[in-house]
Amino acid sequence: MGAILQSLQRTIIAGFLLLVVIVLLTSAISGVFIPVGERMWWLFFVRWLHVLAGVMWIGLLWYFNFVQMPSMPKIPDEQKPAVSKVIAPAALFWFRHAALWTVITGATLATLNGYAMQALMLQRPFLAIGIGMWLALVMAFNVWFIIWPNQQKALGMVAVEADQKAKAARTAMLTSRLNTMFSIPMLFCMVAQQNGGL
């Protein structure tokens, strides 16, 4: 077990293998098995990918806001490059790509279910999911077009003057906080739609 858990790649592969075992066992016990390729299977699979990507995205958003940003003033200056040069760029890579895949899988799911346009136009009975989708789209836009360009400056990935670096860091932080604020009603709307809507 130690050999598996010492490698992230092996851990993830083991997680997928464990998933397959659980699916096969529960299907055998319940007698319910949806063949791969059927519409119900694809809908479930895309929903699962959407949740997986969304957990990564919002998890990293909350990591930045609840852990990294509040902890930075407590870190001695000589240790800060470990965060700004190693941890933050890696976390930002997963953060922005998780945002992208959350939107792609969410749009795919809404399209496959036939409610994409109704939700985006905030029509009943898809009002809750529509509000959630719009919040998520604004948040994803913020990630790619405000947070990421400003973080590149703040982290020194793009050379700018010190005053521009400080301004970029503040813009990225405030936009990340805005996304954190939006994430609360966005997650509520996504769950509300599954449970009767608003």
C-alpha atoms as a PDB file:
ATOM      1  CA  MET A   1       0.000   0.000   0.000  1.00  0.00           C
ATOM      2  CA  GLY A   2       2.874   2.369   0.804  1.00  0.00           C
ATOM      3  CA  ALA A   3       4.251   2.052  -2.732  1.00  0.00           C
ATOM      4  CA  ILE A   4       0.880   3.089  -4.145  1.00  0.00           C
ATOM      5  CA  LEU A   5       0.380   6.051  -1.811  1.00  0.00           C
ATOM      6  CA  GLN A   6       3.903   7.414  -2.270  1.00  0.00           C
ATOM      7  CA  SER A   7       3.128   8.230  -5.912  1.00  0.00           C
ATOM      8  CA  LEU A   8       0.300  10.595  -6.867  1.00  0.00           C
ATOM      9  CA  GLN A   9      -0.055   8.892 -10.251  1.00  0.00           C
ATOM     10  CA  ARG A  10      -0.331   5.416  -8.671  1.00  0.00           C
ATOM     11  CA  THR A  11      -2.735   6.776  -6.038  1.00  0.00           C
ATOM     12  CA  ILE A  12      -5.038   8.173  -8.733  1.00  0.00           C
ATOM     13  CA  ILE A  13      -4.883   4.965 -10.761  1.00  0.00           C
ATOM     14  CA  ALA A  14      -5.697   3.012  -7.591  1.00  0.00           C
ATOM     15  CA  GLY A  15      -8.636   5.356  -6.967  1.00  0.00           C
ATOM     16  CA  PHE A  16     -10.046   4.626 -10.416  1.00  0.00           C
ATOM     17  CA  LEU A  17      -9.510   0.882  -9.965  1.00  0.00           C
ATOM     18  CA  LEU A  18     -11.260   1.049  -6.590  1.00  0.00           C
ATOM     19  CA  LEU A  19     -14.128   2.876  -8.294  1.00  0.00           C
ATOM     20  CA  VAL A  20     -14.453   0.106 -10.897  1.00  0.00           C
ATOM     21  CA  VAL A  21     -14.511  -2.531  -8.147  1.00  0.00           C
ATOM     22  CA  ILE A  22     -17.178  -0.595  -6.212  1.00  0.00           C
ATOM     23  CA  VAL A  23     -19.328  -0.127  -9.330  1.00  0.00           C
ATOM     24  CA  LEU A  24     -19.080  -3.812 -10.231  1.00  0.00           C
ATOM     25  CA  LEU A  25     -19.840  -4.942  -6.659  1.00  0.00           C
ATOM     26  CA  THR A  26     -22.798  -2.623  -6.193  1.00  0.00           C
ATOM     27  CA  SER A  27     -24.151  -3.584  -9.619  1.00  0.00           C
ATOM     28  CA  ALA A  28     -23.827  -7.271  -8.773  1.00  0.00           C
ATOM     29  CA  ILE A  29     -25.467  -6.837  -5.365  1.00  0.00           C
ATOM     30  CA  SER A  30     -28.304  -4.609  -6.604  1.00  0.00           C
ATOM     31  CA  GLY A  31     -28.792  -6.357  -9.920  1.00  0.00           C
ATOM     32  CA  VAL A  32     -28.791  -2.969 -11.665  1.00  0.00           C
ATOM     33  CA  PHE A  33     -26.221  -2.454 -14.385  1.00  0.00           C
ATOM     34  CA  ILE A  34     -26.375   0.277 -16.995  1.00  0.00           C
ATOM     35  CA  PRO A  35     -24.363  -0.823 -20.042  1.00  0.00           C
ATOM     36  CA  VAL A  36     -21.587   1.495 -21.124  1.00  0.00           C
ATOM     37  CA  GLY A  37     -22.705   3.546 -24.085  1.00  0.00           C
ATOM     38  CA  GLU A  38     -26.355   3.911 -23.117  1.00  0.00           C
ATOM     39  CA  ARG A  39     -27.619   7.468 -22.736  1.00  0.00           C
ATOM     40  CA  MET A  40     -28.149   7.074 -18.962  1.00  0.00           C
ATOM     41  CA  TRP A  41     -24.557   5.907 -18.575  1.00  0.00           C
ATOM     42  CA  TRP A  42     -23.194   8.903 -20.493  1.00  0.00           C
ATOM     43  CA  LEU A  43     -25.354  11.343 -18.522  1.00  0.00           C
ATOM     44  CA  PHE A  44     -24.111   9.891 -15.266  1.00  0.00           C
ATOM     45  CA  PHE A  45     -20.489   9.803 -16.462  1.00  0.00           C
ATOM     46  CA  VAL A  46     -20.517  13.457 -17.593  1.00  0.00           C
ATOM     47  CA  ARG A  47     -22.200  14.501 -14.324  1.00  0.00           C
ATOM     48  CA  TRP A  48     -19.501  12.647 -12.377  1.00  0.00           C
ATOM     49  CA  LEU A  49     -16.743  14.379 -14.395  1.00  0.00           C
ATOM     50  CA  HIS A  50     -18.492  17.708 -13.774  1.00  0.00           C
ATOM     51  CA  VAL A  51     -18.554  17.106 -10.014  1.00  0.00           C
ATOM     52  CA  LEU A  52     -14.942  15.878 -10.054  1.00  0.00           C
ATOM     53  CA  ALA A  53     -13.708  18.987 -11.883  1.00  0.00           C
ATOM     54  CA  GLY A  54     -15.896  21.247  -9.729  1.00  0.00           C
ATOM     55  CA  VAL A  55     -14.520  19.805  -6.498  1.00  0.00           C
ATOM     56  CA  MET A  56     -10.972  20.433  -7.753  1.00  0.00           C
ATOM     57  CA  TRP A  57     -11.857  24.002  -8.814  1.00  0.00           C
ATOM     58  CA  ILE A  58     -13.739  25.127  -5.725  1.00  0.00           C
ATOM     59  CA  GLY A  59     -11.390  23.174  -3.460  1.00  0.00           C
ATOM     60  CA  LEU A  60      -8.429  25.112  -4.826  1.00  0.00           C
ATOM     61  CA  LEU A  61     -10.365  28.390  -4.725  1.00  0.00           C
ATOM     62  CA  TRP A  62     -11.051  27.805  -1.043  1.00  0.00           C
ATOM     63  CA  TYR A  63      -7.445  26.661  -0.447  1.00  0.00           C
ATOM     64  CA  PHE A  64      -6.208  29.984  -1.827  1.00  0.00           C
ATOM     65  CA  ASN A  65      -8.693  32.003   0.225  1.00  0.00           C
ATOM     66  CA  PHE A  66      -8.840  30.041   3.481  1.00  0.00           C
ATOM     67  CA  VAL A  67      -5.238  28.801   3.671  1.00  0.00           C
ATOM     68  CA  GLN A  68      -2.647  30.340   1.342  1.00  0.00           C
ATOM     69  CA  MET A  69      -3.553  34.044   1.383  1.00  0.00           C
ATOM     70  CA  PRO A  70      -4.140  34.276   5.163  1.00  0.00           C
ATOM     71  CA  SER A  71      -0.924  32.312   5.815  1.00  0.00           C
ATOM     72  CA  MET A  72       1.419  34.350   3.605  1.00  0.00           C
ATOM     73  CA  PRO A  73       1.962  37.203   6.124  1.00  0.00           C
ATOM     74  CA  LYS A  74       2.984  34.597   8.737  1.00  0.00           C
ATOM     75  CA  ILE A  75       5.659  33.031   6.509  1.00  0.00           C
ATOM     76  CA  PRO A  76       9.210  34.410   6.908  1.00  0.00           C
ATOM     77  CA  ASP A  77      10.361  36.331   3.822  1.00  0.00           C
ATOM     78  CA  GLU A  78      13.142  33.849   3.036  1.00  0.00           C
ATOM     79  CA  GLN A  79      10.587  31.029   2.831  1.00  0.00           C
ATOM     80  CA  LYS A  80       7.994  32.846   0.670  1.00  0.00           C
ATOM     81  CA  PRO A  81       9.669  31.924  -2.652  1.00  0.00           C
ATOM     82  CA  ALA A  82       8.778  28.273  -1.954  1.00  0.00           C
ATOM     83  CA  VAL A  83       5.125  29.268  -2.137  1.00  0.00           C
ATOM     84  CA  SER A  84       5.307  31.885  -4.882  1.00  0.00           C
ATOM     85  CA  LYS A  85       7.727  30.024  -7.175  1.00  0.00           C
ATOM     86  CA  VAL A  86       6.692  26.390  -6.622  1.00  0.00           C
ATOM     87  CA  ILE A  87       3.349  25.845  -4.872  1.00  0.00           C
ATOM     88  CA  ALA A  88       1.256  28.733  -6.249  1.00  0.00           C
ATOM     89  CA  PRO A  89       2.105  28.180  -9.959  1.00  0.00           C
ATOM     90  CA  ALA A  90       1.275  24.467  -9.683  1.00  0.00           C
ATOM     91  CA  ALA A  91      -1.948  25.169  -7.774  1.00  0.00           C
ATOM     92  CA  LEU A  92      -2.914  27.859 -10.299  1.00  0.00           C
ATOM     93  CA  PHE A  93      -2.402  25.408 -13.174  1.00  0.00           C
ATOM     94  CA  TRP A  94      -4.876  22.922 -11.662  1.00  0.00           C
ATOM     95  CA  PHE A  95      -7.153  25.757 -10.548  1.00  0.00           C
ATOM     96  CA  ARG A  96      -7.664  27.290 -13.984  1.00  0.00           C
ATOM     97  CA  HIS A  97      -7.904  23.966 -15.813  1.00  0.00           C
ATOM     98  CA  ALA A  98     -10.390  22.633 -13.270  1.00  0.00           C
ATOM     99  CA  ALA A  99     -12.464  25.777 -13.883  1.00  0.00           C
ATOM    100  CA  LEU A 100     -12.334  25.175 -17.636  1.00  0.00           C
ATOM    101  CA  TRP A 101     -13.316  21.499 -17.350  1.00  0.00           C
ATOM    102  CA  THR A 102     -16.079  22.301 -14.884  1.00  0.00           C
ATOM    103  CA  VAL A 103     -17.604  24.659 -17.453  1.00  0.00           C
ATOM    104  CA  ILE A 104     -17.092  22.242 -20.362  1.00  0.00           C
ATOM    105  CA  THR A 105     -18.601  19.273 -18.532  1.00  0.00           C
ATOM    106  CA  GLY A 106     -21.416  21.411 -17.108  1.00  0.00           C
ATOM    107  CA  ALA A 107     -22.324  22.765 -20.549  1.00  0.00           C
ATOM    108  CA  THR A 108     -22.135  19.241 -21.990  1.00  0.00           C
ATOM    109  CA  LEU A 109     -24.405  17.912 -19.253  1.00  0.00           C
ATOM    110  CA  ALA A 110     -26.947  20.717 -19.717  1.00  0.00           C
ATOM    111  CA  THR A 111     -26.925  20.137 -23.473  1.00  0.00           C
ATOM    112  CA  LEU A 112     -27.280  16.353 -23.179  1.00  0.00           C
ATOM    113  CA  ASN A 113     -30.195  16.849 -20.791  1.00  0.00           C
ATOM    114  CA  GLY A 114     -31.794  19.379 -23.145  1.00  0.00           C
ATOM    115  CA  TYR A 115     -32.041  22.320 -20.758  1.00  0.00           C
ATOM    116  CA  ALA A 116     -28.963  24.421 -21.619  1.00  0.00           C
ATOM    117  CA  MET A 117     -30.818  27.281 -23.323  1.00  0.00           C
ATOM    118  CA  GLN A 118     -33.699  27.335 -20.818  1.00  0.00           C
ATOM    119  CA  ALA A 119     -31.231  27.469 -17.936  1.00  0.00           C
ATOM    120  CA  LEU A 120     -29.089  30.183 -19.502  1.00  0.00           C
ATOM    121  CA  MET A 121     -32.226  32.231 -20.173  1.00  0.00           C
ATOM    122  CA  LEU A 122     -33.258  31.695 -16.520  1.00  0.00           C
ATOM    123  CA  GLN A 123     -36.521  30.005 -17.446  1.00  0.00           C
ATOM    124  CA  ARG A 124     -38.493  27.746 -15.135  1.00  0.00           C
ATOM    125  CA  PRO A 125     -38.086  24.967 -14.191  1.00  0.00           C
ATOM    126  CA  PHE A 126     -34.335  25.535 -14.612  1.00  0.00           C
ATOM    127  CA  LEU A 127     -34.024  28.840 -12.773  1.00  0.00           C
ATOM    128  CA  ALA A 128     -31.767  27.528 -10.001  1.00  0.00           C
ATOM    129  CA  ILE A 129     -29.356  25.738 -12.310  1.00  0.00           C
ATOM    130  CA  GLY A 130     -29.398  28.757 -14.633  1.00  0.00           C
ATOM    131  CA  ILE A 131     -28.369  31.126 -11.840  1.00  0.00           C
ATOM    132  CA  GLY A 132     -25.675  28.632 -10.834  1.00  0.00           C
ATOM    133  CA  MET A 133     -24.463  28.378 -14.422  1.00  0.00           C
ATOM    134  CA  TRP A 134     -24.208  32.154 -14.811  1.00  0.00           C
ATOM    135  CA  LEU A 135     -22.327  32.480 -11.526  1.00  0.00           C
ATOM    136  CA  ALA A 136     -19.957  29.696 -12.630  1.00  0.00           C
ATOM    137  CA  LEU A 137     -19.403  31.335 -16.032  1.00  0.00           C
ATOM    138  CA  VAL A 138     -18.530  34.658 -14.397  1.00  0.00           C
ATOM    139  CA  MET A 139     -16.227  32.848 -11.990  1.00  0.00           C
ATOM    140  CA  ALA A 140     -14.484  30.948 -14.811  1.00  0.00           C
ATOM    141  CA  PHE A 141     -14.070  34.193 -16.761  1.00  0.00           C
ATOM    142  CA  ASN A 142     -12.518  35.748 -13.648  1.00  0.00           C
ATOM    143  CA  VAL A 143     -10.119  32.802 -13.287  1.00  0.00           C
ATOM    144  CA  TRP A 144      -8.805  32.924 -16.839  1.00  0.00           C
ATOM    145  CA  PHE A 145      -8.971  36.624 -17.673  1.00  0.00           C
ATOM    146  CA  ILE A 146      -8.440  38.442 -14.374  1.00  0.00           C
ATOM    147  CA  ILE A 147      -6.917  36.175 -11.710  1.00  0.00           C
ATOM    148  CA  TRP A 148      -4.461  34.268 -13.911  1.00  0.00           C
ATOM    149  CA  PRO A 149      -2.988  37.271 -15.819  1.00  0.00           C
ATOM    150  CA  ASN A 150      -2.614  39.208 -12.564  1.00  0.00           C
ATOM    151  CA  GLN A 151      -1.144  36.241 -10.685  1.00  0.00           C
ATOM    152  CA  GLN A 152       1.479  35.882 -13.406  1.00  0.00           C
ATOM    153  CA  LYS A 153       2.576  39.435 -12.635  1.00  0.00           C
ATOM    154  CA  ALA A 154       2.280  39.033  -8.869  1.00  0.00           C
ATOM    155  CA  LEU A 155       4.341  35.827  -8.864  1.00  0.00           C
ATOM    156  CA  GLY A 156       7.027  37.260 -11.147  1.00  0.00           C
ATOM    157  CA  MET A 157       6.189  34.985 -14.083  1.00  0.00           C
ATOM    158  CA  VAL A 158       5.749  38.157 -16.115  1.00  0.00           C
ATOM    159  CA  ALA A 159       8.218  40.958 -15.442  1.00  0.00           C
ATOM    160  CA  VAL A 160       6.589  44.186 -14.235  1.00  0.00           C
ATOM    161  CA  GLU A 161       7.548  47.093 -11.987  1.00  0.00           C
ATOM    162  CA  ALA A 162       7.101  46.675  -8.219  1.00  0.00           C
ATOM    163  CA  ASP A 163       4.032  48.950  -8.090  1.00  0.00           C
ATOM    164  CA  GLN A 164       2.370  47.003 -10.938  1.00  0.00           C
ATOM    165  CA  LYS A 165       3.218  43.743  -9.162  1.00  0.00           C
ATOM    166  CA  ALA A 166       1.516  44.935  -5.967  1.00  0.00           C
ATOM    167  CA  LYS A 167      -1.508  46.193  -7.912  1.00  0.00           C
ATOM    168  CA  ALA A 168      -1.759  42.868  -9.789  1.00  0.00           C
ATOM    169  CA  ALA A 169      -1.566  40.911  -6.514  1.00  0.00           C
ATOM    170  CA  ARG A 170      -4.379  43.004  -5.045  1.00  0.00           C
ATOM    171  CA  THR A 171      -6.549  42.623  -8.169  1.00  0.00           C
ATOM    172  CA  ALA A 172      -6.014  38.859  -8.185  1.00  0.00           C
ATOM    173  CA  MET A 173      -6.816  38.646  -4.463  1.00  0.00           C
ATOM    174  CA  LEU A 174      -9.989  40.730  -4.693  1.00  0.00           C
ATOM    175  CA  THR A 175     -11.213  38.781  -7.720  1.00  0.00           C
ATOM    176  CA  SER A 176     -10.473  35.511  -5.960  1.00  0.00           C
ATOM    177  CA  ARG A 177     -12.476  36.751  -2.973  1.00  0.00           C
ATOM    178  CA  LEU A 178     -15.323  37.702  -5.327  1.00  0.00           C
ATOM    179  CA  ASN A 179     -15.243  34.149  -6.716  1.00  0.00           C
ATOM    180  CA  THR A 180     -15.296  32.773  -3.166  1.00  0.00           C
ATOM    181  CA  MET A 181     -18.369  34.887  -2.442  1.00  0.00           C
ATOM    182  CA  PHE A 182     -20.019  33.699  -5.699  1.00  0.00           C
ATOM    183  CA  SER A 183     -19.149  30.061  -4.961  1.00  0.00           C
ATOM    184  CA  ILE A 184     -21.525  29.935  -1.984  1.00  0.00           C
ATOM    185  CA  PRO A 185     -24.750  30.750  -3.889  1.00  0.00           C
ATOM    186  CA  MET A 186     -23.470  28.941  -6.989  1.00  0.00           C
ATOM    187  CA  LEU A 187     -23.099  25.660  -5.093  1.00  0.00           C
ATOM    188  CA  PHE A 188     -26.492  26.201  -3.442  1.00  0.00           C
ATOM    189  CA  CYS A 189     -28.156  26.713  -6.838  1.00  0.00           C
ATOM    190  CA  MET A 190     -26.546  23.583  -8.267  1.00  0.00           C
ATOM    191  CA  VAL A 191     -27.762  21.462  -5.347  1.00  0.00           C
ATOM    192  CA  ALA A 192     -31.156  23.200  -5.195  1.00  0.00           C
ATOM    193  CA  GLN A 193     -31.908  22.290  -8.809  1.00  0.00           C
ATOM    194  CA  GLN A 194     -31.292  18.618  -8.074  1.00  0.00           C
ATOM    195  CA  ASN A 195     -33.671  18.845  -5.120  1.00  0.00           C
ATOM    196  CA  GLY A 196     -36.712  20.578  -6.559  1.00  0.00           C
ATOM    197  CA  GLY A 197     -35.278  23.898  -7.731  1.00  0.00           C
ATOM    198  CA  LEU A 198     -35.989  27.325  -6.315  1.00  0.00           C
END
